[in-house]
């Protein structure tokens, strides 16, 4: 895979980071009993994007798995800090 110039890499990272945070907030808005369904919707969205961009499964599989792990971790961090319930973190 070709390397991106540093500025483009930074912008791509910021875009992914922002998307990850927005998705974490969506998960946190759902009741705990519905969160697995929200996670599945996010995973389906990533899969749809992969298909729309004509990316092979192998090109996105690791990203999808990593993204979902990062998402779950971020939700956990926000929740433990009290942020998911409007806490004082």
PDB file of N, CA and C in Angstrom:
ATOM      1  N   UNK A   1       0.847  -1.178   0.000  1.00  0.00           N
ATOM      2  CA  UNK A   1       0.000   0.000   0.000  1.00  0.00           C
ATOM      3  C   UNK A   1       0.888   1.235   0.000  1.00  0.00           C
ATOM      4  N   UNK A   2       0.522   2.219  -0.796  1.00  0.00           N
ATOM      5  CA  UNK A   2       1.315   3.431  -0.910  1.00  0.00           C
ATOM      6  C   UNK A   2       1.179   4.272   0.360  1.00  0.00           C
ATOM      7  N   UNK A   3       2.250   4.917   0.720  1.00  0.00           N
ATOM      8  CA  UNK A   3       2.256   5.801   1.885  1.00  0.00           C
ATOM      9  C   UNK A   3       1.638   7.146   1.522  1.00  0.00           C
ATOM     10  N   UNK A   4       0.834   7.675   2.421  1.00  0.00           N
ATOM     11  CA  UNK A   4       0.263   9.001   2.234  1.00  0.00           C
ATOM     12  C   UNK A   4       1.205  10.047   2.803  1.00  0.00           C
ATOM     13  N   UNK A   5       1.187  11.251   2.233  1.00  0.00           N
ATOM     14  CA  UNK A   5       1.956  12.341   2.834  1.00  0.00           C
ATOM     15  C   UNK A   5       1.456  12.574   4.266  1.00  0.00           C
ATOM     16  N   UNK A   6       2.323  13.082   5.120  1.00  0.00           N
ATOM     17  CA  UNK A   6       2.008  13.252   6.539  1.00  0.00           C
ATOM     18  C   UNK A   6       0.716  14.036   6.769  1.00  0.00           C
ATOM     19  N   UNK A   7       0.494  15.111   6.053  1.00  0.00           N
ATOM     20  CA  UNK A   7      -0.713  15.925   6.243  1.00  0.00           C
ATOM     21  C   UNK A   7      -1.976  15.128   5.926  1.00  0.00           C
ATOM     22  N   UNK A   8      -1.947  14.340   4.854  1.00  0.00           N
ATOM     23  CA  UNK A   8      -3.113  13.531   4.502  1.00  0.00           C
ATOM     24  C   UNK A   8      -3.325  12.408   5.512  1.00  0.00           C
ATOM     25  N   UNK A   9      -2.242  11.843   6.009  1.00  0.00           N
ATOM     26  CA  UNK A   9      -2.348  10.804   7.046  1.00  0.00           C
ATOM     27  C   UNK A   9      -3.007  11.385   8.294  1.00  0.00           C
ATOM     28  N   UNK A  10      -2.595  12.570   8.682  1.00  0.00           N
ATOM     29  CA  UNK A  10      -3.145  13.217   9.874  1.00  0.00           C
ATOM     30  C   UNK A  10      -4.634  13.485   9.692  1.00  0.00           C
ATOM     31  N   UNK A  11      -5.016  13.997   8.521  1.00  0.00           N
ATOM     32  CA  UNK A  11      -6.423  14.284   8.262  1.00  0.00           C
ATOM     33  C   UNK A  11      -7.256  13.005   8.245  1.00  0.00           C
ATOM     34  N   UNK A  12      -6.719  11.941   7.668  1.00  0.00           N
ATOM     35  CA  UNK A  12      -7.435  10.664   7.648  1.00  0.00           C
ATOM     36  C   UNK A  12      -7.617  10.131   9.066  1.00  0.00           C
ATOM     37  N   UNK A  13      -6.568  10.221   9.870  1.00  0.00           N
ATOM     38  CA  UNK A  13      -6.648   9.772  11.259  1.00  0.00           C
ATOM     39  C   UNK A  13      -7.692  10.586  12.019  1.00  0.00           C
ATOM     40  N   UNK A  14      -7.692  11.900  11.837  1.00  0.00           N
ATOM     41  CA  UNK A  14      -8.658  12.757  12.521  1.00  0.00           C
ATOM     42  C   UNK A  14     -10.088  12.424  12.106  1.00  0.00           C
ATOM     43  N   UNK A  15     -10.283  12.105  10.828  1.00  0.00           N
ATOM     44  CA  UNK A  15     -11.618  11.740  10.352  1.00  0.00           C
ATOM     45  C   UNK A  15     -12.083  10.437  10.993  1.00  0.00           C
ATOM     46  N   UNK A  16     -11.208   9.461  11.059  1.00  0.00           N
ATOM     47  CA  UNK A  16     -11.552   8.176  11.674  1.00  0.00           C
ATOM     48  C   UNK A  16     -11.813   8.356  13.161  1.00  0.00           C
ATOM     49  N   UNK A  17     -10.975   9.141  13.810  1.00  0.00           N
ATOM     50  CA  UNK A  17     -11.132   9.398  15.238  1.00  0.00           C
ATOM     51  C   UNK A  17     -12.473  10.092  15.521  1.00  0.00           C
ATOM     52  N   UNK A  18     -12.828  11.066  14.694  1.00  0.00           N
ATOM     53  CA  UNK A  18     -14.097  11.768  14.865  1.00  0.00           C
ATOM     54  C   UNK A  18     -15.286  10.843  14.662  1.00  0.00           C
ATOM     55  N   UNK A  19     -15.209   9.998  13.647  1.00  0.00           N
ATOM     56  CA  UNK A  19     -16.273   9.036  13.376  1.00  0.00           C
ATOM     57  C   UNK A  19     -16.411   8.068  14.543  1.00  0.00           C
ATOM     58  N   UNK A  20     -15.287   7.603  15.049  1.00  0.00           N
ATOM     59  CA  UNK A  20     -15.284   6.680  16.181  1.00  0.00           C
ATOM     60  C   UNK A  20     -15.972   7.319  17.387  1.00  0.00           C
ATOM     61  N   UNK A  21     -15.645   8.567  17.659  1.00  0.00           N
ATOM     62  CA  UNK A  21     -16.249   9.259  18.798  1.00  0.00           C
ATOM     63  C   UNK A  21     -17.749   9.454  18.595  1.00  0.00           C
ATOM     64  N   UNK A  22     -18.165   9.833  17.401  1.00  0.00           N
ATOM     65  CA  UNK A  22     -19.594  10.010  17.128  1.00  0.00           C
ATOM     66  C   UNK A  22     -20.351   8.692  17.300  1.00  0.00           C
ATOM     67  N   UNK A  23     -19.759   7.606  16.843  1.00  0.00           N
ATOM     68  CA  UNK A  23     -20.410   6.304  16.986  1.00  0.00           C
ATOM     69  C   UNK A  23     -20.472   5.886  18.451  1.00  0.00           C
ATOM     70  N   UNK A  24     -19.445   6.191  19.229  1.00  0.00           N
ATOM     71  CA  UNK A  24     -19.453   5.870  20.658  1.00  0.00           C
ATOM     72  C   UNK A  24     -20.594   6.617  21.345  1.00  0.00           C
ATOM     73  N   UNK A  25     -20.798   7.865  20.984  1.00  0.00           N
ATOM     74  CA  UNK A  25     -21.874   8.641  21.592  1.00  0.00           C
ATOM     75  C   UNK A  25     -23.241   8.068  21.207  1.00  0.00           C
ATOM     76  N   UNK A  26     -23.367   7.562  19.977  1.00  0.00           N
ATOM     77  CA  UNK A  26     -24.617   6.923  19.557  1.00  0.00           C
ATOM     78  C   UNK A  26     -24.879   5.670  20.390  1.00  0.00           C
ATOM     79  N   UNK A  27     -23.839   4.884  20.613  1.00  0.00           N
ATOM     80  CA  UNK A  27     -23.985   3.674  21.431  1.00  0.00           C
ATOM     81  C   UNK A  27     -24.425   4.063  22.836  1.00  0.00           C
ATOM     82  N   UNK A  28     -23.785   5.088  23.394  1.00  0.00           N
ATOM     83  CA  UNK A  28     -24.093   5.495  24.762  1.00  0.00           C
ATOM     84  C   UNK A  28     -25.506   6.054  24.921  1.00  0.00           C
ATOM     85  N   UNK A  29     -26.084   6.566  23.851  1.00  0.00           N
ATOM     86  CA  UNK A  29     -27.456   7.067  23.916  1.00  0.00           C
ATOM     87  C   UNK A  29     -28.468   5.929  24.005  1.00  0.00           C
ATOM     88  N   UNK A  30     -28.072   4.741  23.571  1.00  0.00           N
ATOM     89  CA  UNK A  30     -28.987   3.600  23.599  1.00  0.00           C
ATOM     90  C   UNK A  30     -28.993   2.970  24.991  1.00  0.00           C
ATOM     91  N   UNK A  31     -30.147   2.447  25.398  1.00  0.00           N
ATOM     92  CA  UNK A  31     -30.177   1.709  26.664  1.00  0.00           C
ATOM     93  C   UNK A  31     -29.213   0.514  26.586  1.00  0.00           C
ATOM     94  N   UNK A  32     -28.661   0.141  27.714  1.00  0.00           N
ATOM     95  CA  UNK A  32     -27.707  -0.980  27.729  1.00  0.00           C
ATOM     96  C   UNK A  32     -28.276  -2.221  27.039  1.00  0.00           C
ATOM     97  N   UNK A  33     -29.550  -2.453  27.217  1.00  0.00           N
ATOM     98  CA  UNK A  33     -30.175  -3.652  26.639  1.00  0.00           C
ATOM     99  C   UNK A  33     -30.216  -3.620  25.111  1.00  0.00           C
ATOM    100  N   UNK A  34     -29.998  -2.456  24.508  1.00  0.00           N
ATOM    101  CA  UNK A  34     -30.059  -2.325  23.050  1.00  0.00           C
ATOM    102  C   UNK A  34     -28.698  -2.075  22.415  1.00  0.00           C
ATOM    103  N   UNK A  35     -27.665  -2.009  23.201  1.00  0.00           N
ATOM    104  CA  UNK A  35     -26.362  -1.618  22.665  1.00  0.00           C
ATOM    105  C   UNK A  35     -25.772  -2.622  21.684  1.00  0.00           C
ATOM    106  N   UNK A  36     -25.979  -3.903  21.913  1.00  0.00           N
ATOM    107  CA  UNK A  36     -25.443  -4.882  20.965  1.00  0.00           C
ATOM    108  C   UNK A  36     -26.050  -4.677  19.581  1.00  0.00           C
ATOM    109  N   UNK A  37     -27.320  -4.309  19.534  1.00  0.00           N
ATOM    110  CA  UNK A  37     -27.971  -4.037  18.251  1.00  0.00           C
ATOM    111  C   UNK A  37     -27.344  -2.810  17.591  1.00  0.00           C
ATOM    112  N   UNK A  38     -27.000  -1.807  18.382  1.00  0.00           N
ATOM    113  CA  UNK A  38     -26.347  -0.609  17.833  1.00  0.00           C
ATOM    114  C   UNK A  38     -24.969  -0.974  17.289  1.00  0.00           C
ATOM    115  N   UNK A  39     -24.219  -1.785  18.035  1.00  0.00           N
ATOM    116  CA  UNK A  39     -22.918  -2.229  17.544  1.00  0.00           C
ATOM    117  C   UNK A  39     -23.064  -2.952  16.204  1.00  0.00           C
ATOM    118  N   UNK A  40     -24.085  -3.773  16.082  1.00  0.00           N
ATOM    119  CA  UNK A  40     -24.296  -4.514  14.838  1.00  0.00           C
ATOM    120  C   UNK A  40     -24.631  -3.566  13.690  1.00  0.00           C
ATOM    121  N   UNK A  41     -25.389  -2.521  13.967  1.00  0.00           N
ATOM    122  CA  UNK A  41     -25.701  -1.526  12.932  1.00  0.00           C
ATOM    123  C   UNK A  41     -24.419  -0.832  12.471  1.00  0.00           C
ATOM    124  N   UNK A  42     -23.529  -0.507  13.400  1.00  0.00           N
ATOM    125  CA  UNK A  42     -22.258   0.126  13.041  1.00  0.00           C
ATOM    126  C   UNK A  42     -21.444  -0.824  12.161  1.00  0.00           C
ATOM    127  N   UNK A  43     -21.366  -2.098  12.563  1.00  0.00           N
ATOM    128  CA  UNK A  43     -20.611  -3.082  11.767  1.00  0.00           C
ATOM    129  C   UNK A  43     -21.203  -3.200  10.366  1.00  0.00           C
ATOM    130  N   UNK A  44     -22.530  -3.247  10.269  1.00  0.00           N
ATOM    131  CA  UNK A  44     -23.180  -3.325   8.959  1.00  0.00           C
ATOM    132  C   UNK A  44     -22.867  -2.092   8.120  1.00  0.00           C
ATOM    133  N   UNK A  45     -22.817  -0.934   8.754  1.00  0.00           N
ATOM    134  CA  UNK A  45     -22.492   0.305   8.048  1.00  0.00           C
ATOM    135  C   UNK A  45     -21.077   0.244   7.465  1.00  0.00           C
ATOM    136  N   UNK A  46     -20.149  -0.291   8.247  1.00  0.00           N
ATOM    137  CA  UNK A  46     -18.777  -0.441   7.745  1.00  0.00           C
ATOM    138  C   UNK A  46     -18.745  -1.403   6.567  1.00  0.00           C
ATOM    139  N   UNK A  47     -19.512  -2.478   6.655  1.00  0.00           N
ATOM    140  CA  UNK A  47     -19.556  -3.456   5.564  1.00  0.00           C
ATOM    141  C   UNK A  47     -20.173  -2.851   4.308  1.00  0.00           C
ATOM    142  N   UNK A  48     -21.236  -2.063   4.472  1.00  0.00           N
ATOM    143  CA  UNK A  48     -21.855  -1.394   3.327  1.00  0.00           C
ATOM    144  C   UNK A  48     -20.876  -0.445   2.658  1.00  0.00           C
ATOM    145  N   UNK A  49     -20.134   0.291   3.459  1.00  0.00           N
ATOM    146  CA  UNK A  49     -19.139   1.220   2.919  1.00  0.00           C
ATOM    147  C   UNK A  49     -18.085   0.460   2.131  1.00  0.00           C
ATOM    148  N   UNK A  50     -17.651  -0.670   2.673  1.00  0.00           N
ATOM    149  CA  UNK A  50     -16.659  -1.497   1.972  1.00  0.00           C
ATOM    150  C   UNK A  50     -17.196  -1.911   0.611  1.00  0.00           C
ATOM    151  N   UNK A  51     -18.448  -2.361   0.570  1.00  0.00           N
ATOM    152  CA  UNK A  51     -19.045  -2.787  -0.703  1.00  0.00           C
ATOM    153  C   UNK A  51     -19.169  -1.619  -1.676  1.00  0.00           C
ATOM    154  N   UNK A  52     -19.604  -0.461  -1.178  1.00  0.00           N
ATOM    155  CA  UNK A  52     -19.776   0.716  -2.039  1.00  0.00           C
ATOM    156  C   UNK A  52     -18.447   1.171  -2.635  1.00  0.00           C
ATOM    157  N   UNK A  53     -17.368   0.991  -1.890  1.00  0.00           N
ATOM    158  CA  UNK A  53     -16.042   1.395  -2.372  1.00  0.00           C
ATOM    159  C   UNK A  53     -15.343   0.283  -3.143  1.00  0.00           C
ATOM    160  N   UNK A  54     -16.029  -0.850  -3.299  1.00  0.00           N
ATOM    161  CA  UNK A  54     -15.473  -2.013  -3.994  1.00  0.00           C
ATOM    162  C   UNK A  54     -14.151  -2.485  -3.394  1.00  0.00           C
ATOM    163  N   UNK A  55     -14.078  -2.466  -2.074  1.00  0.00           N
ATOM    164  CA  UNK A  55     -12.889  -2.964  -1.389  1.00  0.00           C
ATOM    165  C   UNK A  55     -13.072  -4.446  -1.099  1.00  0.00           C
ATOM    166  N   UNK A  56     -12.016  -5.186  -1.264  1.00  0.00           N
ATOM    167  CA  UNK A  56     -12.066  -6.620  -0.978  1.00  0.00           C
ATOM    168  C   UNK A  56     -12.219  -6.841   0.523  1.00  0.00           C
ATOM    169  N   UNK A  57     -12.811  -7.973   0.867  1.00  0.00           N
ATOM    170  CA  UNK A  57     -12.975  -8.319   2.280  1.00  0.00           C
ATOM    171  C   UNK A  57     -11.655  -8.224   3.020  1.00  0.00           C
ATOM    172  N   UNK A  58     -10.589  -8.677   2.395  1.00  0.00           N
ATOM    173  CA  UNK A  58      -9.286  -8.682   3.066  1.00  0.00           C
ATOM    174  C   UNK A  58      -8.768  -7.275   3.320  1.00  0.00           C
ATOM    175  N   UNK A  59      -9.180  -6.319   2.485  1.00  0.00           N
ATOM    176  CA  UNK A  59      -8.723  -4.943   2.663  1.00  0.00           C
ATOM    177  C   UNK A  59      -9.400  -4.258   3.846  1.00  0.00           C
ATOM    178  N   UNK A  60     -10.582  -4.708   4.225  1.00  0.00           N
ATOM    179  CA  UNK A  60     -11.333  -4.059   5.289  1.00  0.00           C
ATOM    180  C   UNK A  60     -11.493  -4.905   6.536  1.00  0.00           C
ATOM    181  N   UNK A  61     -11.283  -6.190   6.435  1.00  0.00           N
ATOM    182  CA  UNK A  61     -11.567  -7.076   7.564  1.00  0.00           C
ATOM    183  C   UNK A  61     -10.839  -6.642   8.831  1.00  0.00           C
ATOM    184  N   UNK A  62      -9.552  -6.405   8.735  1.00  0.00           N
ATOM    185  CA  UNK A  62      -8.796  -5.988   9.915  1.00  0.00           C
ATOM    186  C   UNK A  62      -9.268  -4.636  10.422  1.00  0.00           C
ATOM    187  N   UNK A  63      -9.549  -3.712   9.512  1.00  0.00           N
ATOM    188  CA  UNK A  63     -10.024  -2.395   9.925  1.00  0.00           C
ATOM    189  C   UNK A  63     -11.355  -2.520  10.666  1.00  0.00           C
ATOM    190  N   UNK A  64     -12.281  -3.305  10.120  1.00  0.00           N
ATOM    191  CA  UNK A  64     -13.584  -3.474  10.763  1.00  0.00           C
ATOM    192  C   UNK A  64     -13.434  -4.044  12.165  1.00  0.00           C
ATOM    193  N   UNK A  65     -12.617  -5.082  12.295  1.00  0.00           N
ATOM    194  CA  UNK A  65     -12.416  -5.695  13.614  1.00  0.00           C
ATOM    195  C   UNK A  65     -11.770  -4.714  14.580  1.00  0.00           C
ATOM    196  N   UNK A  66     -10.744  -4.014  14.116  1.00  0.00           N
ATOM    197  CA  UNK A  66     -10.083  -3.027  14.975  1.00  0.00           C
ATOM    198  C   UNK A  66     -11.028  -1.901  15.354  1.00  0.00           C
ATOM    199  N   UNK A  67     -11.788  -1.410  14.394  1.00  0.00           N
ATOM    200  CA  UNK A  67     -12.720  -0.316  14.663  1.00  0.00           C
ATOM    201  C   UNK A  67     -13.727  -0.729  15.728  1.00  0.00           C
ATOM    202  N   UNK A  68     -14.272  -1.926  15.610  1.00  0.00           N
ATOM    203  CA  UNK A  68     -15.260  -2.379  16.588  1.00  0.00           C
ATOM    204  C   UNK A  68     -14.617  -2.546  17.966  1.00  0.00           C
ATOM    205  N   UNK A  69     -13.389  -3.006  18.016  1.00  0.00           N
ATOM    206  CA  UNK A  69     -12.688  -3.113  19.305  1.00  0.00           C
ATOM    207  C   UNK A  69     -12.449  -1.733  19.899  1.00  0.00           C
ATOM    208  N   UNK A  70     -12.002  -0.798  19.062  1.00  0.00           N
ATOM    209  CA  UNK A  70     -11.767   0.578  19.531  1.00  0.00           C
ATOM    210  C   UNK A  70     -13.076   1.195  20.013  1.00  0.00           C
ATOM    211  N   UNK A  71     -14.161   0.943  19.270  1.00  0.00           N
ATOM    212  CA  UNK A  71     -15.460   1.500  19.630  1.00  0.00           C
ATOM    213  C   UNK A  71     -15.907   0.991  21.001  1.00  0.00           C
ATOM    214  N   UNK A  72     -15.811  -0.312  21.202  1.00  0.00           N
ATOM    215  CA  UNK A  72     -16.202  -0.882  22.492  1.00  0.00           C
ATOM    216  C   UNK A  72     -15.326  -0.322  23.618  1.00  0.00           C
ATOM    217  N   UNK A  73     -14.038  -0.190  23.353  1.00  0.00           N
ATOM    218  CA  UNK A  73     -13.127   0.345  24.370  1.00  0.00           C
ATOM    219  C   UNK A  73     -13.464   1.801  24.691  1.00  0.00           C
ATOM    220  N   UNK A  74     -13.728   2.607  23.668  1.00  0.00           N
ATOM    221  CA  UNK A  74     -14.055   4.010  23.883  1.00  0.00           C
ATOM    222  C   UNK A  74     -15.366   4.153  24.658  1.00  0.00           C
ATOM    223  N   UNK A  75     -16.364   3.356  24.303  1.00  0.00           N
ATOM    224  CA  UNK A  75     -17.631   3.390  25.031  1.00  0.00           C
ATOM    225  C   UNK A  75     -17.384   3.063  26.499  1.00  0.00           C
ATOM    226  N   UNK A  76     -16.578   2.061  26.756  1.00  0.00           N
ATOM    227  CA  UNK A  76     -16.265   1.667  28.135  1.00  0.00           C
ATOM    228  C   UNK A  76     -15.552   2.791  28.883  1.00  0.00           C
ATOM    229  N   UNK A  77     -14.595   3.431  28.239  1.00  0.00           N
ATOM    230  CA  UNK A  77     -13.849   4.528  28.869  1.00  0.00           C
ATOM    231  C   UNK A  77     -14.777   5.691  29.192  1.00  0.00           C
ATOM    232  N   UNK A  78     -15.603   6.079  28.227  1.00  0.00           N
ATOM    233  CA  UNK A  78     -16.528   7.197  28.437  1.00  0.00           C
ATOM    234  C   UNK A  78     -17.500   6.857  29.563  1.00  0.00           C
ATOM    235  N   UNK A  79     -17.998   5.644  29.536  1.00  0.00           N
ATOM    236  CA  UNK A  79     -18.958   5.227  30.551  1.00  0.00           C
ATOM    237  C   UNK A  79     -18.337   5.207  31.945  1.00  0.00           C
ATOM    238  N   UNK A  80     -17.121   4.661  32.051  1.00  0.00           N
ATOM    239  CA  UNK A  80     -16.457   4.608  33.363  1.00  0.00           C
ATOM    240  C   UNK A  80     -16.127   5.993  33.881  1.00  0.00           C
ATOM    241  N   UNK A  81     -15.916   6.942  32.977  1.00  0.00           N
ATOM    242  CA  UNK A  81     -15.602   8.305  33.396  1.00  0.00           C
ATOM    243  C   UNK A  81     -16.838   9.085  33.801  1.00  0.00           C
ATOM    244  N   UNK A  82     -18.008   8.490  33.557  1.00  0.00           N
ATOM    245  CA  UNK A  82     -19.253   9.160  33.873  1.00  0.00           C
ATOM    246  C   UNK A  82     -19.812   9.940  32.714  1.00  0.00           C
ATOM    247  N   UNK A  83     -19.067   9.989  31.593  1.00  0.00           N
ATOM    248  CA  UNK A  83     -19.475  10.796  30.448  1.00  0.00           C
ATOM    249  C   UNK A  83     -20.724  10.305  29.761  1.00  0.00           C
ATOM    250  N   UNK A  84     -20.952   9.014  29.745  1.00  0.00           N
ATOM    251  CA  UNK A  84     -22.130   8.471  29.073  1.00  0.00           C
ATOM    252  C   UNK A  84     -23.421   8.831  29.767  1.00  0.00           C
ATOM    253  N   UNK A  85     -23.343   9.175  31.042  1.00  0.00           N
ATOM    254  CA  UNK A  85     -24.536   9.529  31.807  1.00  0.00           C
ATOM    255  C   UNK A  85     -24.529  11.013  32.159  1.00  0.00           C
ATOM    256  N   UNK A  86     -23.668  11.778  31.487  1.00  0.00           N
ATOM    257  CA  UNK A  86     -23.566  13.205  31.800  1.00  0.00           C
ATOM    258  C   UNK A  86     -22.838  13.438  33.098  1.00  0.00           C
ATOM    259  N   UNK A  87     -21.844  12.580  33.371  1.00  0.00           N
ATOM    260  CA  UNK A  87     -21.105  12.638  34.626  1.00  0.00           C
ATOM    261  C   UNK A  87     -20.144  13.811  34.720  1.00  0.00           C
ATOM    262  N   UNK A  88     -19.243  13.702  35.643  1.00  0.00           N
ATOM    263  CA  UNK A  88     -18.319  14.817  35.927  1.00  0.00           C
ATOM    264  C   UNK A  88     -16.886  14.498  35.531  1.00  0.00           C
ATOM    265  N   UNK A  89     -16.720  13.695  34.521  1.00  0.00           N
ATOM    266  CA  UNK A  89     -15.369  13.302  34.102  1.00  0.00           C
ATOM    267  C   UNK A  89     -14.591  14.476  33.566  1.00  0.00           C
TER     268      UNK A  89
END
